Amino acid sequence: MNWKQVNYLFEMAFGFWKSQIAFTAVESGLFTLLSDGGRTASEIASQIKADKRATEMLLNALVALGL
């Protein structure tokens, strides 16, 4: 496998990862929830009925993507 093929596989994998982060945020109603103003990760987790640590990870991923 050459460098170009490896790079292509990484681009596909990261593209999927990015789309899943955005999809999770949309499906959980996170963007709608945040449209009313800022909240803590604990408040968000409680309102979307999710684990606090998982919510923190999702929020960090969204920030890393510039969302």
Protein backbone atom coordinates (compact mmCIF):
# COMPACT_ATOMS: atom_id res chain seq x y z
CA MET A 1 0.00 0.00 0.00
CA ASN A 2 1.46 3.35 -0.97
CA TRP A 3 1.19 6.71 0.81
CA LYS A 4 -1.58 7.97 -1.48
CA GLN A 5 -3.76 4.94 -0.70
CA VAL A 6 -3.12 5.25 3.03
CA ASN A 7 -3.99 8.95 2.93
CA TYR A 8 -7.23 8.17 1.07
CA LEU A 9 -8.24 5.61 3.72
CA PHE A 10 -7.53 8.10 6.52
CA GLU A 11 -9.58 10.78 4.77
CA MET A 12 -12.51 8.38 4.47
CA ALA A 13 -12.26 7.28 8.09
CA PHE A 14 -12.00 10.81 9.45
CA GLY A 15 -14.82 11.98 7.19
CA PHE A 16 -17.05 9.28 8.65
CA TRP A 17 -15.97 10.20 12.18
CA LYS A 18 -16.79 13.87 11.59
CA SER A 19 -20.18 13.11 10.10
CA GLN A 20 -21.08 10.86 13.03
CA ILE A 21 -20.23 13.61 15.50
CA ALA A 22 -22.47 16.08 13.68
CA PHE A 23 -25.23 13.46 13.28
CA THR A 24 -25.16 12.66 17.00
CA ALA A 25 -25.43 16.34 17.89
CA VAL A 26 -28.38 16.83 15.54
CA GLU A 27 -30.20 13.64 16.58
CA SER A 28 -29.82 14.41 20.28
CA GLY A 29 -31.29 17.89 19.79
CA LEU A 30 -28.10 19.47 21.06
CA PHE A 31 -28.08 22.40 18.63
CA THR A 32 -31.73 23.18 19.36
CA LEU A 33 -31.02 23.02 23.07
CA LEU A 34 -28.07 25.39 22.77
CA SER A 35 -29.99 27.86 20.62
CA ASP A 36 -31.57 29.17 23.85
CA GLY A 37 -28.17 29.95 25.35
CA GLY A 38 -25.18 28.30 26.97
CA ARG A 39 -25.41 25.43 29.41
CA THR A 40 -22.96 23.29 31.32
CA ALA A 41 -22.12 19.78 30.15
CA SER A 42 -24.02 18.42 33.16
CA GLU A 43 -27.14 20.39 32.26
CA ILE A 44 -26.94 19.28 28.65
CA ALA A 45 -26.41 15.64 29.60
CA SER A 46 -29.41 15.74 31.89
CA GLN A 47 -31.65 17.37 29.30
CA ILE A 48 -30.70 15.00 26.45
CA LYS A 49 -30.67 12.02 28.83
CA ALA A 50 -27.05 11.12 28.17
CA ASP A 51 -24.01 10.23 30.22
CA LYS A 52 -22.15 13.34 31.44
CA ARG A 53 -18.70 12.13 30.32
CA ALA A 54 -20.02 11.10 26.89
CA THR A 55 -21.65 14.52 26.54
CA GLU A 56 -18.37 16.23 27.44
CA MET A 57 -16.59 14.16 24.79
CA LEU A 58 -19.21 15.06 22.19
CA LEU A 59 -18.99 18.75 23.05
CA ASN A 60 -15.18 18.66 22.83
CA ALA A 61 -15.37 16.93 19.45
CA LEU A 62 -17.80 19.56 18.18
CA VAL A 63 -15.46 22.33 19.31
CA ALA A 64 -12.53 20.59 17.59
CA LEU A 65 -14.60 20.55 14.37
CA GLY A 66 -15.36 24.24 14.74
CA LEU A 67 -19.04 23.67 15.39
